Amino acid sequence: MQRTAVNPVTWSLEMGFNQGEVVSGETQTLYISGQTAMSAEGRPEHEGDMGAQLALAIDNLESVLAAAGMTLANLVRLNVYTTDVDALFPHYGQLAGRLGAAGVSPTTTMLGVTRLAVPGQLVELEGTAVA
């Protein structure tokens, strides 16, 4: 797989994402359902704690990637849904740091939503990975 960043402007690179990415060559694509701060038993965790919920959502995202034989380095698209964008920003470095450590800047969209499917959840990560 070959990845080519498309950045007609460069401000997004400071925030850890590309404006676009061209993926070419033989590939396998993984579409990842929204991952939240849920335990392995399906119980919501860390009610009211945006930082802890984000950390667990990233862990859960990485677990799905690992089960498919991939890592964060394979992530080409990331959608971030949150019930409070302002509350998420102070913790966003956790996500940017883990993506940076993986050497990846996936195309990203952040959306503020009224609520998520599971009451009490504050952030959800949905992605597409290519290997």
C-alpha atoms as a PDB file:
ATOM      1  CA  MET A   1       0.000   0.000   0.000  1.00  0.00           C
ATOM      2  CA  GLN A   2       1.210   3.494  -0.841  1.00  0.00           C
ATOM      3  CA  ARG A   3      -0.129   6.556   1.002  1.00  0.00           C
ATOM      4  CA  THR A   4       0.261  10.035  -0.417  1.00  0.00           C
ATOM      5  CA  ALA A   5      -0.728  13.051   1.656  1.00  0.00           C
ATOM      6  CA  VAL A   6      -2.728  15.761  -0.115  1.00  0.00           C
ATOM      7  CA  ASN A   7      -2.360  19.123   1.620  1.00  0.00           C
ATOM      8  CA  PRO A   8      -3.051  22.174  -0.554  1.00  0.00           C
ATOM      9  CA  VAL A   9      -2.808  24.100   2.730  1.00  0.00           C
ATOM     10  CA  THR A  10      -0.605  23.082   5.651  1.00  0.00           C
ATOM     11  CA  TRP A  11      -2.320  24.405   8.798  1.00  0.00           C
ATOM     12  CA  SER A  12      -3.914  20.993   9.457  1.00  0.00           C
ATOM     13  CA  LEU A  13      -0.526  19.314   9.852  1.00  0.00           C
ATOM     14  CA  GLU A  14      -0.004  21.205  13.124  1.00  0.00           C
ATOM     15  CA  MET A  15      -3.257  19.649  14.362  1.00  0.00           C
ATOM     16  CA  GLY A  16      -2.187  16.148  13.293  1.00  0.00           C
ATOM     17  CA  PHE A  17      -4.258  15.496  10.177  1.00  0.00           C
ATOM     18  CA  ASN A  18      -3.980  15.605   6.398  1.00  0.00           C
ATOM     19  CA  GLN A  19      -6.535  17.348   4.224  1.00  0.00           C
ATOM     20  CA  GLY A  20      -6.685  14.209   2.079  1.00  0.00           C
ATOM     21  CA  GLU A  21      -4.856  10.963   1.393  1.00  0.00           C
ATOM     22  CA  VAL A  22      -4.542   8.926  -1.771  1.00  0.00           C
ATOM     23  CA  VAL A  23      -4.207   5.194  -1.053  1.00  0.00           C
ATOM     24  CA  SER A  24      -3.021   3.031  -3.928  1.00  0.00           C
ATOM     25  CA  GLY A  25      -1.764  -0.484  -4.558  1.00  0.00           C
ATOM     26  CA  GLU A  26      -3.214  -3.770  -3.361  1.00  0.00           C
ATOM     27  CA  THR A  27      -5.136  -3.066  -0.195  1.00  0.00           C
ATOM     28  CA  GLN A  28      -7.360  -4.497   2.473  1.00  0.00           C
ATOM     29  CA  THR A  29      -9.834  -2.043   4.046  1.00  0.00           C
ATOM     30  CA  LEU A  30     -11.223  -2.173   7.576  1.00  0.00           C
ATOM     31  CA  TYR A  31     -14.263  -0.045   8.446  1.00  0.00           C
ATOM     32  CA  ILE A  32     -14.349   0.478  12.210  1.00  0.00           C
ATOM     33  CA  SER A  33     -17.611   1.114  14.053  1.00  0.00           C
ATOM     34  CA  GLY A  34     -17.676   3.919  16.583  1.00  0.00           C
ATOM     35  CA  GLN A  35     -15.537   3.066  19.604  1.00  0.00           C
ATOM     36  CA  THR A  36     -16.381   4.596  22.964  1.00  0.00           C
ATOM     37  CA  ALA A  37     -15.333   4.132  26.590  1.00  0.00           C
ATOM     38  CA  MET A  38     -16.920   0.695  26.949  1.00  0.00           C
ATOM     39  CA  SER A  39     -15.444  -2.184  28.942  1.00  0.00           C
ATOM     40  CA  ALA A  40     -14.821  -5.552  27.294  1.00  0.00           C
ATOM     41  CA  GLU A  41     -18.099  -6.663  28.927  1.00  0.00           C
ATOM     42  CA  GLY A  42     -20.044  -3.827  27.259  1.00  0.00           C
ATOM     43  CA  ARG A  43     -20.379  -1.524  30.264  1.00  0.00           C
ATOM     44  CA  PRO A  44     -19.867   2.239  29.927  1.00  0.00           C
ATOM     45  CA  GLU A  45     -16.808   3.473  31.818  1.00  0.00           C
ATOM     46  CA  HIS A  46     -15.597   6.817  33.232  1.00  0.00           C
ATOM     47  CA  GLU A  47     -18.892   8.717  33.323  1.00  0.00           C
ATOM     48  CA  GLY A  48     -18.289  12.465  33.178  1.00  0.00           C
ATOM     49  CA  ASP A  49     -14.514  12.129  32.567  1.00  0.00           C
ATOM     50  CA  MET A  50     -13.716  13.231  29.002  1.00  0.00           C
ATOM     51  CA  GLY A  51      -9.986  12.464  29.269  1.00  0.00           C
ATOM     52  CA  ALA A  52     -10.481   8.930  30.581  1.00  0.00           C
ATOM     53  CA  GLN A  53     -13.240   8.247  28.049  1.00  0.00           C
ATOM     54  CA  LEU A  54     -11.035   9.416  25.181  1.00  0.00           C
ATOM     55  CA  ALA A  55      -8.133   7.246  26.363  1.00  0.00           C
ATOM     56  CA  LEU A  56     -10.344   4.148  26.548  1.00  0.00           C
ATOM     57  CA  ALA A  57     -11.962   4.914  23.178  1.00  0.00           C
ATOM     58  CA  ILE A  58      -8.471   5.056  21.621  1.00  0.00           C
ATOM     59  CA  ASP A  59      -7.574   1.757  23.322  1.00  0.00           C
ATOM     60  CA  ASN A  60     -10.759   0.187  21.955  1.00  0.00           C
ATOM     61  CA  LEU A  61     -10.020   1.535  18.467  1.00  0.00           C
ATOM     62  CA  GLU A  62      -6.540   0.007  18.657  1.00  0.00           C
ATOM     63  CA  SER A  63      -8.040  -3.317  19.794  1.00  0.00           C
ATOM     64  CA  VAL A  64     -10.219  -3.517  16.687  1.00  0.00           C
ATOM     65  CA  LEU A  65      -7.229  -2.631  14.508  1.00  0.00           C
ATOM     66  CA  ALA A  66      -5.078  -5.294  16.227  1.00  0.00           C
ATOM     67  CA  ALA A  67      -7.771  -7.950  15.785  1.00  0.00           C
ATOM     68  CA  ALA A  68      -7.579  -7.244  12.037  1.00  0.00           C
ATOM     69  CA  GLY A  69      -3.761  -7.385  12.039  1.00  0.00           C
ATOM     70  CA  MET A  70      -3.405  -3.595  11.794  1.00  0.00           C
ATOM     71  CA  THR A  71      -2.245  -0.673  13.944  1.00  0.00           C
ATOM     72  CA  LEU A  72      -2.954   3.035  14.173  1.00  0.00           C
ATOM     73  CA  ALA A  73      -0.398   3.399  11.354  1.00  0.00           C
ATOM     74  CA  ASN A  74      -3.035   1.899   9.013  1.00  0.00           C
ATOM     75  CA  LEU A  75      -5.696   4.461   9.914  1.00  0.00           C
ATOM     76  CA  VAL A  76      -6.548   6.640   6.896  1.00  0.00           C
ATOM     77  CA  ARG A  77      -9.810   8.192   8.119  1.00  0.00           C
ATOM     78  CA  LEU A  78     -10.960   9.156  11.619  1.00  0.00           C
ATOM     79  CA  ASN A  79     -14.295  10.651  12.633  1.00  0.00           C
ATOM     80  CA  VAL A  80     -14.480  12.069  16.147  1.00  0.00           C
ATOM     81  CA  TYR A  81     -17.942  12.589  17.621  1.00  0.00           C
ATOM     82  CA  THR A  82     -18.340  14.381  20.938  1.00  0.00           C
ATOM     83  CA  THR A  83     -21.125  15.803  23.032  1.00  0.00           C
ATOM     84  CA  ASP A  84     -18.852  18.710  24.043  1.00  0.00           C
ATOM     85  CA  VAL A  85     -16.216  19.952  21.598  1.00  0.00           C
ATOM     86  CA  ASP A  86     -14.884  22.530  24.069  1.00  0.00           C
ATOM     87  CA  ALA A  87     -14.411  19.883  26.768  1.00  0.00           C
ATOM     88  CA  LEU A  88     -12.662  17.562  24.299  1.00  0.00           C
ATOM     89  CA  PHE A  89     -10.004  20.034  23.116  1.00  0.00           C
ATOM     90  CA  PRO A  90      -7.939  20.033  26.353  1.00  0.00           C
ATOM     91  CA  HIS A  91      -7.648  16.227  26.022  1.00  0.00           C
ATOM     92  CA  TYR A  92      -7.183  16.046  22.248  1.00  0.00           C
ATOM     93  CA  GLY A  93      -3.410  15.796  22.680  1.00  0.00           C
ATOM     94  CA  GLN A  94      -3.887  12.199  23.858  1.00  0.00           C
ATOM     95  CA  LEU A  95      -5.252  11.268  20.449  1.00  0.00           C
ATOM     96  CA  ALA A  96      -2.840  13.437  18.476  1.00  0.00           C
ATOM     97  CA  GLY A  97       0.084  12.025  20.475  1.00  0.00           C
ATOM     98  CA  ARG A  98      -0.845   8.415  19.824  1.00  0.00           C
ATOM     99  CA  LEU A  99      -1.399   9.095  16.127  1.00  0.00           C
ATOM    100  CA  GLY A 100       1.907  10.968  15.961  1.00  0.00           C
ATOM    101  CA  ALA A 101       3.735   8.115  17.697  1.00  0.00           C
ATOM    102  CA  ALA A 102       2.300   5.791  15.036  1.00  0.00           C
ATOM    103  CA  GLY A 103       3.580   8.166  12.340  1.00  0.00           C
ATOM    104  CA  VAL A 104       0.135   8.777  10.890  1.00  0.00           C
ATOM    105  CA  SER A 105      -2.017  11.846  10.199  1.00  0.00           C
ATOM    106  CA  PRO A 106      -5.344  10.428   9.005  1.00  0.00           C
ATOM    107  CA  THR A 107      -7.967  12.625   7.440  1.00  0.00           C
ATOM    108  CA  THR A 108     -10.145  13.671  10.354  1.00  0.00           C
ATOM    109  CA  THR A 109     -13.507  15.258  11.033  1.00  0.00           C
ATOM    110  CA  MET A 110     -14.693  16.315  14.488  1.00  0.00           C
ATOM    111  CA  LEU A 111     -18.397  16.739  15.064  1.00  0.00           C
ATOM    112  CA  GLY A 112     -20.314  18.031  18.054  1.00  0.00           C
ATOM    113  CA  VAL A 113     -23.455  15.955  18.581  1.00  0.00           C
ATOM    114  CA  THR A 114     -26.400  16.166  20.946  1.00  0.00           C
ATOM    115  CA  ARG A 115     -25.734  12.732  22.416  1.00  0.00           C
ATOM    116  CA  LEU A 116     -24.158   9.386  21.616  1.00  0.00           C
ATOM    117  CA  ALA A 117     -25.942   6.027  21.500  1.00  0.00           C
ATOM    118  CA  VAL A 118     -24.950   5.049  25.039  1.00  0.00           C
ATOM    119  CA  PRO A 119     -26.056   7.569  27.695  1.00  0.00           C
ATOM    120  CA  GLY A 120     -23.124   9.115  29.544  1.00  0.00           C
ATOM    121  CA  GLN A 121     -20.644   8.624  26.721  1.00  0.00           C
ATOM    122  CA  LEU A 122     -18.888  11.861  25.723  1.00  0.00           C
ATOM    123  CA  VAL A 123     -16.666  10.856  22.776  1.00  0.00           C
ATOM    124  CA  GLU A 124     -16.761   8.261  19.990  1.00  0.00           C
ATOM    125  CA  LEU A 125     -14.091   7.381  17.420  1.00  0.00           C
ATOM    126  CA  GLU A 126     -14.968   5.853  14.047  1.00  0.00           C
ATOM    127  CA  GLY A 127     -12.321   4.992  11.505  1.00  0.00           C
ATOM    128  CA  THR A 128     -11.222   3.455   8.246  1.00  0.00           C
ATOM    129  CA  ALA A 129      -7.920   1.603   8.008  1.00  0.00           C
ATOM    130  CA  VAL A 130      -6.093   0.291   4.964  1.00  0.00           C
ATOM    131  CA  ALA A 131      -3.314  -2.278   4.788  1.00  0.00           C
END
